[in-house]
Amino acid sequence: MKNKMPSRKYESISWLGKDREMISRKDVFDLTPADSKIEIQGMKESTQKNKDKWRFIPNTGEYLMLSGIKFTGKNALGIELTGRSFEVNFCGAADRDYQAENTSGNIHNNTAGSFEVAFFDKNDMKVENGTITQLPENKAVYEYRKTDGKDAASFLVNTSGKLIYSGGTGGGPVKIGIRPVSSAQAYPGDDLLLQFKIKGSEEKIQTDKKDYIAVYDK
């Protein structure tokens, strides 16, 4: 009969990393995102027939539809976190390249004080409506407020990193529509970078500059 190895329970394990710094097992398995990013893989007008990526918000009342929204996170050691169900909340947007000292035109600073935002389910039915509005104390930032519908601005991250609905919306991938609140408040050249937060954190995750969206005169 073979001898059995005695079982041992290790409370803490440490070893040297490639730069000879001490790394603990606790650090390696830390599931707290320390470095996160959001990218938007799909952008198109709501009436667009082809699948070309189109970042421009029409001033005619149609939504610019955003889909394939992907979260990537790494812990403090730079280890990518995959297959974890983080809860991510939509919190608003930033005015791309805002310059407080610039007071002429909207090349740098947006003219519109708010935009309409809507969330759609997997069947393209609207489940929540809201607005993003400039903060009086910081006009570079737009804050999201729900106006009606379900709590659809809260998402989970699936095993492939895509944002999916977390509650009462029928599930499925996140789809966000954005448009000016009215034709009178549609200013071609106004541009935005969407912002999100991980639940429990106050740090905002802003989409990369390559994923900016902007109003145009259709």
C-alpha atoms as a PDB file:
ATOM      1  CA  MET A   1       0.000   0.000   0.000  1.00  0.00           C
ATOM      2  CA  LYS A   2       1.393   3.355  -1.014  1.00  0.00           C
ATOM      3  CA  ASN A   3       2.036   5.934   1.634  1.00  0.00           C
ATOM      4  CA  LYS A   4      -0.220   8.966   1.442  1.00  0.00           C
ATOM      5  CA  MET A   5       1.313  12.417   1.598  1.00  0.00           C
ATOM      6  CA  PRO A   6       0.047  14.340   4.611  1.00  0.00           C
ATOM      7  CA  SER A   7      -2.225  17.211   3.681  1.00  0.00           C
ATOM      8  CA  ARG A   8      -0.998  20.693   4.485  1.00  0.00           C
ATOM      9  CA  LYS A   9      -2.813  23.964   4.555  1.00  0.00           C
ATOM     10  CA  TYR A  10      -0.740  26.997   3.621  1.00  0.00           C
ATOM     11  CA  GLU A  11      -1.956  30.274   5.032  1.00  0.00           C
ATOM     12  CA  SER A  12       0.496  32.328   2.990  1.00  0.00           C
ATOM     13  CA  ILE A  13       2.843  31.617   0.098  1.00  0.00           C
ATOM     14  CA  SER A  14       5.491  34.017  -1.180  1.00  0.00           C
ATOM     15  CA  TRP A  15       8.131  33.851  -3.913  1.00  0.00           C
ATOM     16  CA  LEU A  16      10.419  36.111  -5.905  1.00  0.00           C
ATOM     17  CA  GLY A  17       9.154  37.690  -9.119  1.00  0.00           C
ATOM     18  CA  LYS A  18      11.308  38.332 -12.183  1.00  0.00           C
ATOM     19  CA  ASP A  19      12.604  41.552 -10.626  1.00  0.00           C
ATOM     20  CA  ARG A  20      13.215  39.696  -7.349  1.00  0.00           C
ATOM     21  CA  GLU A  21      10.410  41.488  -5.549  1.00  0.00           C
ATOM     22  CA  MET A  22       8.413  39.432  -3.090  1.00  0.00           C
ATOM     23  CA  ILE A  23       5.070  38.290  -4.491  1.00  0.00           C
ATOM     24  CA  SER A  24       2.460  36.657  -2.309  1.00  0.00           C
ATOM     25  CA  ARG A  25      -0.236  34.195  -3.305  1.00  0.00           C
ATOM     26  CA  LYS A  26      -2.740  36.737  -2.052  1.00  0.00           C
ATOM     27  CA  ASP A  27      -1.436  39.313  -4.562  1.00  0.00           C
ATOM     28  CA  VAL A  28      -1.546  36.868  -7.480  1.00  0.00           C
ATOM     29  CA  PHE A  29      -5.159  35.908  -6.783  1.00  0.00           C
ATOM     30  CA  ASP A  30      -6.280  39.461  -6.026  1.00  0.00           C
ATOM     31  CA  LEU A  31      -9.463  39.973  -8.070  1.00  0.00           C
ATOM     32  CA  THR A  32      -9.641  43.729  -7.530  1.00  0.00           C
ATOM     33  CA  PRO A  33      -9.159  45.595 -10.832  1.00  0.00           C
ATOM     34  CA  ALA A  34      -6.329  48.111 -10.489  1.00  0.00           C
ATOM     35  CA  ASP A  35      -6.015  48.957 -14.189  1.00  0.00           C
ATOM     36  CA  SER A  36      -9.191  48.863 -16.263  1.00  0.00           C
ATOM     37  CA  LYS A  37     -10.339  49.991 -19.677  1.00  0.00           C
ATOM     38  CA  ILE A  38     -13.541  50.019 -21.705  1.00  0.00           C
ATOM     39  CA  GLU A  39     -13.674  49.761 -25.480  1.00  0.00           C
ATOM     40  CA  ILE A  40     -16.645  50.073 -27.832  1.00  0.00           C
ATOM     41  CA  GLN A  41     -16.480  47.640 -30.720  1.00  0.00           C
ATOM     42  CA  GLY A  42     -19.733  48.541 -32.477  1.00  0.00           C
ATOM     43  CA  MET A  43     -20.976  52.027 -33.442  1.00  0.00           C
ATOM     44  CA  LYS A  44     -23.684  52.808 -35.985  1.00  0.00           C
ATOM     45  CA  GLU A  45     -26.746  54.968 -36.550  1.00  0.00           C
ATOM     46  CA  SER A  46     -30.023  53.295 -35.619  1.00  0.00           C
ATOM     47  CA  THR A  47     -31.133  53.334 -39.303  1.00  0.00           C
ATOM     48  CA  GLN A  48     -27.747  52.327 -40.749  1.00  0.00           C
ATOM     49  CA  LYS A  49     -27.871  49.233 -42.972  1.00  0.00           C
ATOM     50  CA  ASN A  50     -24.189  48.311 -43.236  1.00  0.00           C
ATOM     51  CA  LYS A  51     -21.944  47.234 -40.352  1.00  0.00           C
ATOM     52  CA  ASP A  52     -19.239  49.870 -40.804  1.00  0.00           C
ATOM     53  CA  LYS A  53     -18.112  51.545 -37.590  1.00  0.00           C
ATOM     54  CA  TRP A  54     -19.622  55.034 -37.530  1.00  0.00           C
ATOM     55  CA  ARG A  55     -18.935  57.281 -34.540  1.00  0.00           C
ATOM     56  CA  PHE A  56     -21.089  60.272 -35.447  1.00  0.00           C
ATOM     57  CA  ILE A  57     -24.338  61.230 -33.695  1.00  0.00           C
ATOM     58  CA  PRO A  58     -26.894  62.564 -36.209  1.00  0.00           C
ATOM     59  CA  ASN A  59     -28.647  65.846 -35.464  1.00  0.00           C
ATOM     60  CA  THR A  60     -31.905  64.501 -36.907  1.00  0.00           C
ATOM     61  CA  GLY A  61     -33.226  62.632 -33.861  1.00  0.00           C
ATOM     62  CA  GLU A  62     -31.791  59.170 -34.585  1.00  0.00           C
ATOM     63  CA  TYR A  63     -29.709  57.372 -31.996  1.00  0.00           C
ATOM     64  CA  LEU A  64     -26.082  56.524 -32.432  1.00  0.00           C
ATOM     65  CA  MET A  65     -26.104  52.893 -31.246  1.00  0.00           C
ATOM     66  CA  LEU A  66     -23.135  51.521 -29.272  1.00  0.00           C
ATOM     67  CA  SER A  67     -22.631  47.765 -28.839  1.00  0.00           C
ATOM     68  CA  GLY A  68     -19.948  45.166 -28.187  1.00  0.00           C
ATOM     69  CA  ILE A  69     -18.838  47.122 -25.127  1.00  0.00           C
ATOM     70  CA  LYS A  70     -15.870  45.317 -23.599  1.00  0.00           C
ATOM     71  CA  PHE A  71     -14.218  45.560 -20.186  1.00  0.00           C
ATOM     72  CA  THR A  72     -10.575  44.623 -19.611  1.00  0.00           C
ATOM     73  CA  GLY A  73      -9.110  44.628 -16.111  1.00  0.00           C
ATOM     74  CA  LYS A  74      -5.800  43.772 -14.464  1.00  0.00           C
ATOM     75  CA  ASN A  75      -4.952  43.452 -10.795  1.00  0.00           C
ATOM     76  CA  ALA A  76      -2.123  45.310  -9.054  1.00  0.00           C
ATOM     77  CA  LEU A  77       0.448  42.828 -10.428  1.00  0.00           C
ATOM     78  CA  GLY A  78      -0.736  43.321 -14.009  1.00  0.00           C
ATOM     79  CA  ILE A  79      -2.419  39.907 -14.194  1.00  0.00           C
ATOM     80  CA  GLU A  80      -5.467  40.030 -16.464  1.00  0.00           C
ATOM     81  CA  LEU A  81      -8.753  39.236 -14.753  1.00  0.00           C
ATOM     82  CA  THR A  82     -10.869  36.963 -16.928  1.00  0.00           C
ATOM     83  CA  GLY A  83     -14.156  35.188 -16.391  1.00  0.00           C
ATOM     84  CA  ARG A  84     -15.102  37.329 -13.416  1.00  0.00           C
ATOM     85  CA  SER A  85     -18.540  38.877 -12.950  1.00  0.00           C
ATOM     86  CA  PHE A  86     -17.683  42.435 -11.979  1.00  0.00           C
ATOM     87  CA  GLU A  87     -20.590  44.827 -11.759  1.00  0.00           C
ATOM     88  CA  VAL A  88     -20.030  47.899 -13.889  1.00  0.00           C
ATOM     89  CA  ASN A  89     -22.223  51.012 -13.866  1.00  0.00           C
ATOM     90  CA  PHE A  90     -22.664  53.640 -16.572  1.00  0.00           C
ATOM     91  CA  CYS A  91     -22.056  57.024 -14.948  1.00  0.00           C
ATOM     92  CA  GLY A  92     -21.851  59.596 -17.765  1.00  0.00           C
ATOM     93  CA  ALA A  93     -19.322  61.079 -20.149  1.00  0.00           C
ATOM     94  CA  ALA A  94     -16.484  63.545 -20.532  1.00  0.00           C
ATOM     95  CA  ASP A  95     -16.069  66.374 -23.029  1.00  0.00           C
ATOM     96  CA  ARG A  96     -13.113  65.250 -25.149  1.00  0.00           C
ATOM     97  CA  ASP A  97     -10.173  67.707 -25.035  1.00  0.00           C
ATOM     98  CA  TYR A  98     -12.039  70.183 -22.825  1.00  0.00           C
ATOM     99  CA  GLN A  99     -10.092  73.390 -22.122  1.00  0.00           C
ATOM    100  CA  ALA A 100     -11.517  75.639 -19.409  1.00  0.00           C
ATOM    101  CA  GLU A 101      -9.818  78.731 -20.823  1.00  0.00           C
ATOM    102  CA  ASN A 102     -11.353  78.254 -24.287  1.00  0.00           C
ATOM    103  CA  THR A 103     -14.533  80.289 -24.673  1.00  0.00           C
ATOM    104  CA  SER A 104     -14.994  80.505 -28.458  1.00  0.00           C
ATOM    105  CA  GLY A 105     -16.798  77.859 -30.516  1.00  0.00           C
ATOM    106  CA  ASN A 106     -16.920  74.135 -29.713  1.00  0.00           C
ATOM    107  CA  ILE A 107     -13.644  72.927 -31.202  1.00  0.00           C
ATOM    108  CA  HIS A 108     -12.493  72.095 -27.681  1.00  0.00           C
ATOM    109  CA  ASN A 109     -15.521  72.706 -25.450  1.00  0.00           C
ATOM    110  CA  ASN A 110     -19.000  71.355 -26.098  1.00  0.00           C
ATOM    111  CA  THR A 111     -21.955  73.681 -26.516  1.00  0.00           C
ATOM    112  CA  ALA A 112     -24.735  71.235 -25.544  1.00  0.00           C
ATOM    113  CA  GLY A 113     -25.332  70.960 -21.815  1.00  0.00           C
ATOM    114  CA  SER A 114     -27.025  67.563 -22.047  1.00  0.00           C
ATOM    115  CA  PHE A 115     -27.663  64.499 -24.234  1.00  0.00           C
ATOM    116  CA  GLU A 116     -30.323  61.801 -24.154  1.00  0.00           C
ATOM    117  CA  VAL A 117     -29.130  58.261 -23.366  1.00  0.00           C
ATOM    118  CA  ALA A 118     -31.207  55.086 -23.778  1.00  0.00           C
ATOM    119  CA  PHE A 119     -30.561  51.417 -23.025  1.00  0.00           C
ATOM    120  CA  PHE A 120     -31.908  48.665 -25.288  1.00  0.00           C
ATOM    121  CA  ASP A 121     -32.436  44.952 -24.673  1.00  0.00           C
ATOM    122  CA  LYS A 122     -31.395  42.041 -26.906  1.00  0.00           C
ATOM    123  CA  ASN A 123     -34.553  42.596 -28.993  1.00  0.00           C
ATOM    124  CA  ASP A 124     -33.719  46.298 -29.497  1.00  0.00           C
ATOM    125  CA  MET A 125     -36.564  47.359 -27.201  1.00  0.00           C
ATOM    126  CA  LYS A 126     -35.854  50.421 -25.057  1.00  0.00           C
ATOM    127  CA  VAL A 127     -35.760  49.516 -21.349  1.00  0.00           C
ATOM    128  CA  GLU A 128     -34.458  52.712 -19.765  1.00  0.00           C
ATOM    129  CA  ASN A 129     -34.163  56.357 -20.662  1.00  0.00           C
ATOM    130  CA  GLY A 130     -32.036  59.074 -19.101  1.00  0.00           C
ATOM    131  CA  THR A 131     -29.856  62.095 -19.708  1.00  0.00           C
ATOM    132  CA  ILE A 132     -26.238  63.028 -19.223  1.00  0.00           C
ATOM    133  CA  THR A 133     -25.903  66.619 -18.042  1.00  0.00           C
ATOM    134  CA  GLN A 134     -22.898  68.890 -17.548  1.00  0.00           C
ATOM    135  CA  LEU A 135     -21.929  69.498 -13.949  1.00  0.00           C
ATOM    136  CA  PRO A 136     -22.201  73.220 -13.099  1.00  0.00           C
ATOM    137  CA  GLU A 137     -18.908  73.088 -11.210  1.00  0.00           C
ATOM    138  CA  ASN A 138     -17.068  71.124 -13.909  1.00  0.00           C
ATOM    139  CA  LYS A 139     -18.365  71.456 -17.464  1.00  0.00           C
ATOM    140  CA  ALA A 140     -15.887  68.860 -18.716  1.00  0.00           C
ATOM    141  CA  VAL A 141     -18.022  66.176 -17.050  1.00  0.00           C
ATOM    142  CA  TYR A 142     -21.535  64.937 -17.860  1.00  0.00           C
ATOM    143  CA  GLU A 143     -23.376  62.980 -15.158  1.00  0.00           C
ATOM    144  CA  TYR A 144     -26.030  60.338 -15.893  1.00  0.00           C
ATOM    145  CA  ARG A 145     -29.527  60.486 -14.426  1.00  0.00           C
ATOM    146  CA  LYS A 146     -32.321  58.022 -15.173  1.00  0.00           C
ATOM    147  CA  THR A 147     -35.643  59.579 -16.196  1.00  0.00           C
ATOM    148  CA  ASP A 148     -37.783  56.453 -16.700  1.00  0.00           C
ATOM    149  CA  GLY A 149     -37.695  52.671 -17.154  1.00  0.00           C
ATOM    150  CA  LYS A 150     -35.854  49.833 -15.452  1.00  0.00           C
ATOM    151  CA  ASP A 151     -32.456  50.027 -13.780  1.00  0.00           C
ATOM    152  CA  ALA A 152     -30.592  49.115 -16.952  1.00  0.00           C
ATOM    153  CA  ALA A 153     -27.417  51.143 -16.421  1.00  0.00           C
ATOM    154  CA  SER A 154     -25.858  48.397 -14.292  1.00  0.00           C
ATOM    155  CA  PHE A 155     -23.996  45.585 -16.036  1.00  0.00           C
ATOM    156  CA  LEU A 156     -22.025  42.419 -15.414  1.00  0.00           C
ATOM    157  CA  VAL A 157     -18.888  41.340 -17.258  1.00  0.00           C
ATOM    158  CA  ASN A 158     -19.164  37.915 -18.892  1.00  0.00           C
ATOM    159  CA  THR A 159     -16.311  35.459 -19.478  1.00  0.00           C
ATOM    160  CA  SER A 160     -15.321  37.136 -22.761  1.00  0.00           C
ATOM    161  CA  GLY A 161     -15.215  40.565 -21.157  1.00  0.00           C
ATOM    162  CA  LYS A 162     -18.422  41.888 -22.762  1.00  0.00           C
ATOM    163  CA  LEU A 163     -20.862  43.961 -20.736  1.00  0.00           C
ATOM    164  CA  ILE A 164     -24.230  42.230 -20.252  1.00  0.00           C
ATOM    165  CA  TYR A 165     -27.340  43.313 -18.367  1.00  0.00           C
ATOM    166  CA  SER A 166     -27.444  42.336 -14.709  1.00  0.00           C
ATOM    167  CA  GLY A 167     -31.102  42.762 -13.848  1.00  0.00           C
ATOM    168  CA  GLY A 168     -34.729  42.796 -15.125  1.00  0.00           C
ATOM    169  CA  THR A 169     -34.012  43.541 -18.785  1.00  0.00           C
ATOM    170  CA  GLY A 170     -34.136  40.033 -20.243  1.00  0.00           C
ATOM    171  CA  GLY A 171     -30.363  39.724 -20.170  1.00  0.00           C
ATOM    172  CA  GLY A 172     -28.166  39.848 -23.222  1.00  0.00           C
ATOM    173  CA  PRO A 173     -25.451  42.259 -24.377  1.00  0.00           C
ATOM    174  CA  VAL A 174     -25.534  45.940 -23.523  1.00  0.00           C
ATOM    175  CA  LYS A 175     -26.692  48.350 -26.219  1.00  0.00           C
ATOM    176  CA  ILE A 176     -26.575  52.080 -25.580  1.00  0.00           C
ATOM    177  CA  GLY A 177     -28.191  54.762 -27.742  1.00  0.00           C
ATOM    178  CA  ILE A 178     -27.241  58.434 -27.550  1.00  0.00           C
ATOM    179  CA  ARG A 179     -28.610  61.538 -29.281  1.00  0.00           C
ATOM    180  CA  PRO A 180     -29.082  65.293 -28.703  1.00  0.00           C
ATOM    181  CA  VAL A 181     -32.051  66.119 -26.460  1.00  0.00           C
ATOM    182  CA  SER A 182     -33.545  68.181 -29.324  1.00  0.00           C
ATOM    183  CA  SER A 183     -32.648  69.506 -32.774  1.00  0.00           C
ATOM    184  CA  ALA A 184     -32.280  72.962 -31.232  1.00  0.00           C
ATOM    185  CA  GLN A 185     -29.580  71.594 -28.921  1.00  0.00           C
ATOM    186  CA  ALA A 186     -27.668  69.598 -31.555  1.00  0.00           C
ATOM    187  CA  TYR A 187     -24.287  71.177 -32.144  1.00  0.00           C
ATOM    188  CA  PRO A 188     -22.047  69.523 -34.789  1.00  0.00           C
ATOM    189  CA  GLY A 189     -18.558  69.122 -33.365  1.00  0.00           C
ATOM    190  CA  ASP A 190     -19.641  68.380 -29.777  1.00  0.00           C
ATOM    191  CA  ASP A 191     -17.861  65.176 -28.756  1.00  0.00           C
ATOM    192  CA  LEU A 192     -17.901  62.740 -25.857  1.00  0.00           C
ATOM    193  CA  LEU A 193     -15.993  59.923 -24.167  1.00  0.00           C
ATOM    194  CA  LEU A 194     -18.282  57.638 -22.163  1.00  0.00           C
ATOM    195  CA  GLN A 195     -17.495  56.870 -18.521  1.00  0.00           C
ATOM    196  CA  PHE A 196     -18.188  53.852 -16.306  1.00  0.00           C
ATOM    197  CA  LYS A 197     -17.464  52.757 -12.734  1.00  0.00           C
ATOM    198  CA  ILE A 198     -16.889  49.403 -11.086  1.00  0.00           C
ATOM    199  CA  LYS A 199     -19.436  48.947  -8.312  1.00  0.00           C
ATOM    200  CA  GLY A 200     -17.937  49.983  -4.999  1.00  0.00           C
ATOM    201  CA  SER A 201     -15.307  52.229  -6.594  1.00  0.00           C
ATOM    202  CA  GLU A 202     -15.403  55.968  -7.187  1.00  0.00           C
ATOM    203  CA  GLU A 203     -12.737  55.807  -9.894  1.00  0.00           C
ATOM    204  CA  LYS A 204     -14.116  56.377 -13.386  1.00  0.00           C
ATOM    205  CA  ILE A 205     -13.159  54.217 -16.347  1.00  0.00           C
ATOM    206  CA  GLN A 206     -13.196  56.316 -19.497  1.00  0.00           C
ATOM    207  CA  THR A 207     -13.339  54.914 -23.003  1.00  0.00           C
ATOM    208  CA  ASP A 208     -10.169  55.274 -25.029  1.00  0.00           C
ATOM    209  CA  LYS A 209      -9.894  58.394 -27.201  1.00  0.00           C
ATOM    210  CA  LYS A 210     -10.159  56.211 -30.299  1.00  0.00           C
ATOM    211  CA  ASP A 211     -13.736  55.457 -29.221  1.00  0.00           C
ATOM    212  CA  TYR A 212     -14.926  59.049 -29.017  1.00  0.00           C
ATOM    213  CA  ILE A 213     -18.342  59.935 -30.438  1.00  0.00           C
ATOM    214  CA  ALA A 214     -19.367  63.272 -31.950  1.00  0.00           C
ATOM    215  CA  VAL A 215     -22.397  65.145 -33.287  1.00  0.00           C
ATOM    216  CA  TYR A 216     -22.574  65.854 -37.018  1.00  0.00           C
ATOM    217  CA  ASP A 217     -24.885  67.743 -39.361  1.00  0.00           C
ATOM    218  CA  LYS A 218     -26.659  64.986 -41.292  1.00  0.00           C
END
